Amino acid sequence: MKVYRFWWQLIFILKISGCFGQFANGVQPVKTYLEALFSPTPPYQTTRKPKLKLSSNSANCGVRSSSYLPHLPSQHNLVTDPRIPRRRRGRIVWGRNDTMGSFPAPRGSFPWMASLFVLYNSGEALFMCAATIVNQHILLTAAHCFTNNKTPETWFARVGDNFILHHDPSEQTFRVKEIIIHENFDPLKDNGGDGRHDIALVILRPHTNGAVIKYNQDVGPICFPKSEFPLANLYVNHCEIAGWGMTEYNNTSSYPDSVRGARIQVGDVPKSYCNHLYQRNVQETGKFCAGGQVDACQEDSGGPLVCRLDDQRYYIIGIVSSGKGCGVYPGLYTEVSKYSNWVMNWVNEITSW
């Protein structure tokens, strides 16, 4: 079964900081609350447009301030010699109970990650997808996250968000100004669509005081690889996936309380096997196969597959897209280096807005 990595029908409910419980009568009070918190009125005035860059040019991109590595033994429950690294097994969503990936990560482990929510008329905010920080204004995610809802006003994003149901010290929330979906995105459908070009940008609306994403030890941009970066070169690198998705396929009681990570191998799945598995030329759709036992799952959609390169910084290599079940077959990831020019062109365009 080919599925995107989210589940629209059964999604856990987040009450934003407890504020929406008092607004159960309808959308107007909720709208009023959000406007008070994030409203662009009065409009933010500036005499100079901010200079936007791809974060690969930034000195602080791809920096992890913690010593977290998901496959290493955890201090919570060491059952083996802590000097011996243990291979991370299973999916983001399931694994051994003696690795760091099995427990909440310390602060600063995923500074580049963001969470995306949809606000409903009832006042409920539902988590939908993960995303990655490009710069202080822009997030990168999967296009299929917006298949059922492309209205920016109904979306908001959080950065510095580790424990998704609780407030984090560096948590920052923004309304969405614009959603930019790849112009050739073809939604996955049983009767034809192959999910190609599954990539999108989310433009954040500054706060009323003009504030944009503030970088600190818990929040920072990811680095971008050069265009057409060869995946085979990553076989010896440390790579990992992360997300807030389910720990068991179709099991809504299996959500973790915080973001979870897992080490994943990149560059070892033969293209011929990947094409056979998904019955299409996967490379032509802008994707690649990775993992197997280690896998993303429902609601990990849009999240990053990152690799640590020779400069010891983390670079975004893939975006969680789709797959067959969870933790059984290699999953499909949008190959970000194929879209570096697309992202850069939009960053330059947004600068002129």
Protein backbone atom coordinates (compact mmCIF):
# COMPACT_ATOMS: atom_id res chain seq x y z
CA MET A 1 0.00 0.00 0.00
CA LYS A 2 1.45 3.35 -1.00
CA VAL A 3 0.71 6.06 1.50
CA TYR A 4 1.90 9.51 2.35
CA ARG A 5 3.53 9.86 5.73
CA PHE A 6 0.56 11.54 7.40
CA TRP A 7 -2.91 10.49 8.46
CA TRP A 8 -5.65 13.08 7.98
CA GLN A 9 -8.51 11.30 9.75
CA LEU A 10 -7.02 10.22 13.06
CA ILE A 11 -4.66 12.89 14.37
CA PHE A 12 -4.00 13.77 17.97
CA ILE A 13 -5.37 17.10 19.14
CA LEU A 14 -3.26 19.89 20.52
CA LYS A 15 -4.72 22.64 22.66
CA ILE A 16 -2.39 25.54 22.09
CA SER A 17 -1.04 26.52 25.51
CA GLY A 18 -4.49 25.75 26.94
CA CYS A 19 -5.90 28.91 25.34
CA PHE A 20 -8.38 27.34 22.94
CA GLY A 21 -10.42 25.52 25.57
CA GLN A 22 -12.28 28.72 26.40
CA PHE A 23 -13.15 29.32 22.74
CA ALA A 24 -15.24 26.24 22.05
CA ASN A 25 -18.19 28.19 20.65
CA GLY A 26 -16.74 28.84 17.22
CA VAL A 27 -14.15 30.35 14.95
CA GLN A 28 -14.60 34.04 15.73
CA PRO A 29 -13.17 33.93 19.28
CA VAL A 30 -10.31 31.75 18.03
CA LYS A 31 -9.65 34.16 15.20
CA THR A 32 -9.69 37.02 17.67
CA TYR A 33 -7.19 35.23 19.87
CA LEU A 34 -4.85 34.49 17.00
CA GLU A 35 -5.07 38.04 15.70
CA ALA A 36 -4.16 39.35 19.11
CA LEU A 37 -1.14 37.05 19.17
CA PHE A 38 0.11 37.20 15.58
CA SER A 39 -1.91 39.77 13.66
CA PRO A 40 -0.10 41.69 10.93
CA THR A 41 -2.32 44.71 11.67
CA PRO A 42 -1.08 47.34 12.06
CA PRO A 43 1.29 46.45 9.25
CA TYR A 44 4.93 46.10 10.12
CA GLN A 45 6.88 48.98 8.57
CA THR A 46 10.49 48.72 7.48
CA THR A 47 12.72 50.86 5.32
CA ARG A 48 14.88 47.96 4.20
CA LYS A 49 13.88 44.53 2.98
CA PRO A 50 15.61 41.73 4.88
CA LYS A 51 18.34 39.96 2.97
CA LEU A 52 17.33 36.31 2.64
CA LYS A 53 19.82 33.54 2.04
CA LEU A 54 19.92 29.81 1.71
CA SER A 55 21.28 28.62 5.02
CA SER A 56 24.21 26.80 3.41
CA ASN A 57 25.79 30.26 3.33
CA SER A 58 25.18 30.77 7.03
CA ALA A 59 27.87 30.23 9.64
CA ASN A 60 25.31 28.80 12.06
CA CYS A 61 23.52 26.31 9.78
CA GLY A 62 23.34 22.62 10.62
CA VAL A 63 24.75 23.00 14.12
CA ARG A 64 23.62 20.58 16.84
CA SER A 65 24.43 21.94 20.27
CA SER A 66 23.80 18.64 22.07
CA SER A 67 25.80 15.39 21.86
CA TYR A 68 22.70 13.50 20.72
CA LEU A 69 23.09 10.63 18.24
CA PRO A 70 20.01 8.38 18.02
CA HIS A 71 21.86 5.07 17.70
CA LEU A 72 24.17 5.49 20.70
CA PRO A 73 23.38 4.01 24.12
CA SER A 74 21.08 6.10 26.26
CA GLN A 75 21.95 7.18 29.79
CA HIS A 76 18.36 6.40 30.71
CA ASN A 77 18.75 2.66 30.42
CA LEU A 78 22.22 1.31 29.73
CA VAL A 79 22.12 -2.46 29.43
CA THR A 80 25.42 -2.78 27.60
CA ASP A 81 28.88 -1.31 27.74
CA PRO A 82 28.28 2.42 27.10
CA ARG A 83 31.55 2.65 25.17
CA ILE A 84 30.18 0.42 22.42
CA PRO A 85 27.81 2.12 19.95
CA ARG A 86 24.65 0.12 19.36
CA ARG A 87 22.99 0.15 15.97
CA ARG A 88 19.61 1.85 15.95
CA ARG A 89 16.98 -0.61 14.80
CA GLY A 90 13.38 -0.13 13.82
CA ARG A 91 11.66 3.03 12.64
CA ILE A 92 11.65 6.54 14.03
CA VAL A 93 8.54 5.22 15.59
CA TRP A 94 9.86 2.12 17.27
CA GLY A 95 13.22 0.85 18.45
CA ARG A 96 15.35 -0.65 21.17
CA ASN A 97 14.88 0.78 24.61
CA ASP A 98 18.59 1.32 25.23
CA THR A 99 19.37 3.98 22.61
CA MET A 100 19.10 7.75 22.64
CA GLY A 101 16.50 7.54 19.87
CA SER A 102 14.15 5.74 22.25
CA PHE A 103 13.96 8.67 24.64
CA PRO A 104 13.21 12.40 24.44
CA ALA A 105 16.19 14.18 22.94
CA PRO A 106 18.01 16.86 24.95
CA ARG A 107 17.70 20.52 24.02
CA GLY A 108 19.51 21.55 20.87
CA SER A 109 19.26 18.14 19.18
CA PHE A 110 16.93 19.16 16.33
CA PRO A 111 17.24 22.97 16.07
CA TRP A 112 16.30 22.91 12.36
CA MET A 113 12.95 21.20 12.84
CA ALA A 114 9.53 22.86 12.76
CA SER A 115 5.99 21.60 13.24
CA LEU A 116 2.97 22.54 11.12
CA PHE A 117 -0.60 22.75 12.43
CA VAL A 118 -4.06 23.46 11.05
CA LEU A 119 -6.56 25.46 13.09
CA TYR A 120 -10.16 24.29 12.93
CA ASN A 121 -13.38 26.18 13.67
CA SER A 122 -13.77 24.29 16.93
CA GLY A 123 -10.59 25.87 18.25
CA GLU A 124 -8.65 22.63 17.94
CA ALA A 125 -5.19 22.83 16.42
CA LEU A 126 -4.18 19.60 14.74
CA PHE A 127 -0.60 18.65 14.02
CA MET A 128 -0.19 17.76 10.35
CA CYS A 129 3.42 17.70 9.21
CA ALA A 130 7.01 18.43 10.07
CA ALA A 131 9.20 20.98 8.28
CA THR A 132 12.76 22.29 8.23
CA ILE A 133 14.06 25.83 8.79
CA VAL A 134 15.58 27.37 5.65
CA ASN A 135 16.10 30.83 7.13
CA GLN A 136 14.33 33.18 9.53
CA HIS A 137 11.32 33.53 7.23
CA ILE A 138 11.01 30.24 5.34
CA LEU A 139 10.40 26.56 6.08
CA LEU A 140 10.84 23.58 3.75
CA THR A 141 8.37 20.70 3.75
CA ALA A 142 6.47 18.26 1.51
CA ALA A 143 3.90 19.47 -1.00
CA HIS A 144 1.48 16.67 -0.14
CA CYS A 145 0.99 18.16 3.33
CA PHE A 146 -1.29 20.73 1.66
CA THR A 147 -3.25 18.44 -0.67
CA ASN A 148 -6.46 18.96 1.31
CA ASN A 149 -5.85 22.51 2.51
CA LYS A 150 -3.84 25.21 0.75
CA THR A 151 -5.30 28.16 2.68
CA PRO A 152 -2.39 29.90 4.46
CA GLU A 153 -4.63 31.61 7.03
CA THR A 154 -5.58 28.25 8.55
CA TRP A 155 -1.99 27.12 9.09
CA PHE A 156 0.59 28.03 11.70
CA ALA A 157 4.10 26.80 12.48
CA ARG A 158 6.26 26.29 15.51
CA VAL A 159 10.02 26.16 15.88
CA GLY A 160 11.93 25.11 18.97
CA ASP A 161 9.15 22.56 19.45
CA ASN A 162 10.45 19.35 21.04
CA PHE A 163 7.60 18.26 23.34
CA ILE A 164 4.71 18.86 21.00
CA LEU A 165 1.96 18.90 23.67
CA HIS A 166 3.88 21.07 26.11
CA HIS A 167 5.61 24.42 25.97
CA ASP A 168 9.36 24.34 25.28
CA PRO A 169 11.80 27.02 26.50
CA SER A 170 12.64 28.35 23.01
CA GLU A 171 9.31 27.65 21.35
CA GLN A 172 8.22 30.27 18.79
CA THR A 173 4.89 30.29 16.95
CA PHE A 174 4.10 31.99 13.64
CA ARG A 175 1.13 32.30 11.35
CA VAL A 176 1.67 31.31 7.73
CA LYS A 177 1.76 34.06 5.13
CA GLU A 178 2.16 31.99 1.97
CA ILE A 179 2.40 28.36 0.86
CA ILE A 180 4.46 27.72 -2.26
CA ILE A 181 3.93 24.29 -3.77
CA HIS A 182 6.15 23.07 -6.60
CA GLU A 183 4.40 23.96 -9.82
CA ASN A 184 4.74 20.40 -11.19
CA PHE A 185 3.71 18.53 -8.06
CA ASP A 186 1.54 15.55 -8.99
CA PRO A 187 -0.35 14.21 -5.94
CA LEU A 188 -0.10 10.49 -5.31
CA LYS A 189 -3.23 8.75 -6.61
CA ASP A 190 -4.16 5.13 -7.24
CA ASN A 191 -5.30 5.99 -10.76
CA GLY A 192 -2.24 7.82 -11.99
CA GLY A 193 -0.51 10.44 -9.86
CA ASP A 194 3.02 9.39 -8.89
CA GLY A 195 3.73 12.05 -6.24
CA ARG A 196 6.51 13.69 -8.23
CA HIS A 197 8.09 16.98 -7.10
CA ASP A 198 6.84 16.58 -3.52
CA ILE A 199 8.34 19.77 -2.15
CA ALA A 200 6.95 23.06 -0.81
CA LEU A 201 7.98 26.22 0.99
CA VAL A 202 6.11 27.84 3.88
CA ILE A 203 6.55 31.60 4.24
CA LEU A 204 6.04 32.79 7.81
CA ARG A 205 4.27 35.99 8.76
CA PRO A 206 6.34 38.18 11.10
CA HIS A 207 4.86 39.05 14.48
CA THR A 208 3.26 42.45 14.95
CA ASN A 209 6.57 43.85 16.20
CA GLY A 210 8.34 42.54 13.09
CA ALA A 211 9.92 39.58 14.86
CA VAL A 212 10.92 36.60 12.75
CA ILE A 213 12.52 33.32 13.81
CA LYS A 214 15.09 33.98 16.52
CA TYR A 215 18.08 31.67 16.42
CA ASN A 216 19.47 30.17 19.63
CA GLN A 217 20.74 26.81 20.86
CA ASP A 218 17.32 25.23 20.20
CA VAL A 219 16.47 26.95 16.92
CA GLY A 220 18.58 27.30 13.79
CA PRO A 221 18.62 26.66 10.04
CA ILE A 222 19.71 23.51 8.26
CA CYS A 223 22.50 23.55 5.67
CA PHE A 224 21.73 22.89 2.00
CA PRO A 225 23.78 20.58 -0.24
CA LYS A 226 25.11 21.60 -3.61
CA SER A 227 22.82 21.01 -6.57
CA GLU A 228 22.68 17.36 -7.70
CA PHE A 229 24.75 16.17 -4.74
CA PRO A 230 25.55 12.46 -5.37
CA LEU A 231 23.73 10.25 -2.86
CA ALA A 232 26.29 7.45 -3.25
CA ASN A 233 28.83 9.72 -1.54
CA LEU A 234 26.76 9.57 1.64
CA TYR A 235 27.10 5.83 2.23
CA VAL A 236 29.80 6.34 4.87
CA ASN A 237 28.21 9.41 6.49
CA HIS A 238 26.02 9.55 9.56
CA CYS A 239 22.44 10.25 8.44
CA GLU A 240 19.20 10.35 10.38
CA ILE A 241 15.49 11.00 10.18
CA ALA A 242 13.30 12.57 12.84
CA GLY A 243 9.67 13.36 13.49
CA TRP A 244 6.66 13.35 15.79
CA GLY A 245 4.83 10.60 13.89
CA MET A 246 3.30 7.34 15.02
CA THR A 247 5.42 4.56 16.45
CA GLU A 248 3.23 1.85 14.94
CA TYR A 249 1.45 1.82 11.61
CA ASN A 250 -2.17 3.04 11.90
CA ASN A 251 -1.95 3.12 15.70
CA THR A 252 -3.04 6.54 16.98
CA SER A 253 -2.14 5.59 20.55
CA SER A 254 1.51 5.24 19.55
CA TYR A 255 2.47 8.91 19.27
CA PRO A 256 5.70 9.80 21.10
CA ASP A 257 5.63 12.69 23.54
CA SER A 258 8.52 14.44 21.77
CA VAL A 259 10.46 14.37 18.52
CA ARG A 260 12.22 11.04 17.91
CA GLY A 261 15.20 10.29 15.69
CA ALA A 262 16.78 7.24 14.08
CA ARG A 263 19.98 6.65 12.14
CA ILE A 264 19.33 5.72 8.52
CA GLN A 265 21.61 4.52 5.74
CA VAL A 266 21.65 6.56 2.52
CA GLY A 267 22.99 5.33 -0.79
CA ASP A 268 22.65 1.58 -0.23
CA VAL A 269 19.23 0.85 -1.83
CA PRO A 270 19.74 -0.14 -5.51
CA LYS A 271 17.80 2.07 -7.91
CA SER A 272 16.51 -1.00 -9.71
CA TYR A 273 15.02 -2.40 -6.50
CA CYS A 274 13.51 0.98 -5.60
CA ASN A 275 11.91 1.28 -9.04
CA HIS A 276 10.57 -2.27 -8.85
CA LEU A 277 9.17 -1.72 -5.37
CA TYR A 278 7.23 1.41 -6.36
CA GLN A 279 6.55 0.41 -9.99
CA ARG A 280 7.90 3.62 -11.46
CA ASN A 281 11.13 5.40 -12.26
CA VAL A 282 11.58 6.89 -8.80
CA GLN A 283 14.48 9.12 -9.81
CA GLU A 284 12.34 10.84 -12.43
CA THR A 285 9.85 11.79 -9.71
CA GLY A 286 12.60 13.64 -7.80
CA LYS A 287 12.87 11.05 -5.04
CA PHE A 288 15.11 8.28 -3.74
CA CYS A 289 14.73 5.20 -1.55
CA ALA A 290 16.33 4.88 1.87
CA GLY A 291 15.94 2.70 4.93
CA GLY A 292 13.83 -0.39 5.42
CA GLN A 293 13.67 -1.47 9.04
CA VAL A 294 14.58 2.11 9.83
CA ASP A 295 11.74 4.16 8.41
CA ALA A 296 9.49 7.15 8.78
CA CYS A 297 5.80 6.65 9.46
CA GLN A 298 2.46 8.47 9.45
CA GLU A 299 2.73 12.17 10.32
CA ASP A 300 6.47 12.21 9.83
CA SER A 301 5.63 13.75 6.44
CA GLY A 302 7.61 16.83 5.47
CA GLY A 303 10.35 16.16 7.99
CA PRO A 304 14.05 16.12 7.15
CA LEU A 305 16.48 13.37 6.36
CA VAL A 306 19.79 14.96 7.30
CA CYS A 307 23.42 13.86 6.96
CA ARG A 308 26.53 15.06 8.75
CA LEU A 309 29.17 15.98 6.17
CA ASP A 310 32.92 16.49 6.47
CA ASP A 311 32.54 19.94 8.04
CA GLN A 312 30.58 18.25 10.87
CA ARG A 313 27.44 20.21 10.02
CA TYR A 314 24.09 18.68 9.16
CA TYR A 315 22.70 19.05 5.63
CA ILE A 316 19.18 18.30 4.46
CA ILE A 317 19.34 15.50 1.92
CA GLY A 318 15.73 14.33 1.83
CA ILE A 319 12.16 15.22 2.77
CA VAL A 320 9.91 12.48 4.15
CA SER A 321 7.41 11.78 1.36
CA SER A 322 5.71 8.40 1.09
CA GLY A 323 6.20 4.67 1.50
CA LYS A 324 4.70 1.22 1.96
CA GLY A 325 3.62 0.74 5.54
CA CYS A 326 6.19 1.56 8.23
CA GLY A 327 9.48 -0.18 8.85
CA VAL A 328 9.02 -2.92 6.26
CA TYR A 329 10.32 -1.52 2.96
CA PRO A 330 12.56 1.41 2.03
CA GLY A 331 10.67 4.70 2.13
CA LEU A 332 10.60 7.48 -0.45
CA TYR A 333 12.28 10.84 0.18
CA THR A 334 12.28 13.95 -1.99
CA GLU A 335 15.89 14.48 -3.12
CA VAL A 336 16.54 18.02 -1.96
CA SER A 337 19.70 18.65 -4.00
CA LYS A 338 17.61 18.30 -7.17
CA TYR A 339 15.62 21.32 -6.00
CA SER A 340 18.36 23.57 -4.63
CA ASN A 341 17.98 25.96 -7.56
CA TRP A 342 14.19 25.94 -7.17
CA VAL A 343 14.52 26.86 -3.50
CA MET A 344 17.11 29.55 -4.22
CA ASN A 345 14.98 31.09 -6.96
CA TRP A 346 12.05 31.38 -4.58
CA VAL A 347 14.23 32.79 -1.81
CA ASN A 348 15.37 35.50 -4.21
CA GLU A 349 11.78 36.10 -5.32
CA ILE A 350 10.54 36.40 -1.77
CA THR A 351 13.24 38.99 -1.11
CA SER A 352 11.60 41.24 -3.68
CA TRP A 353 8.10 40.98 -2.18
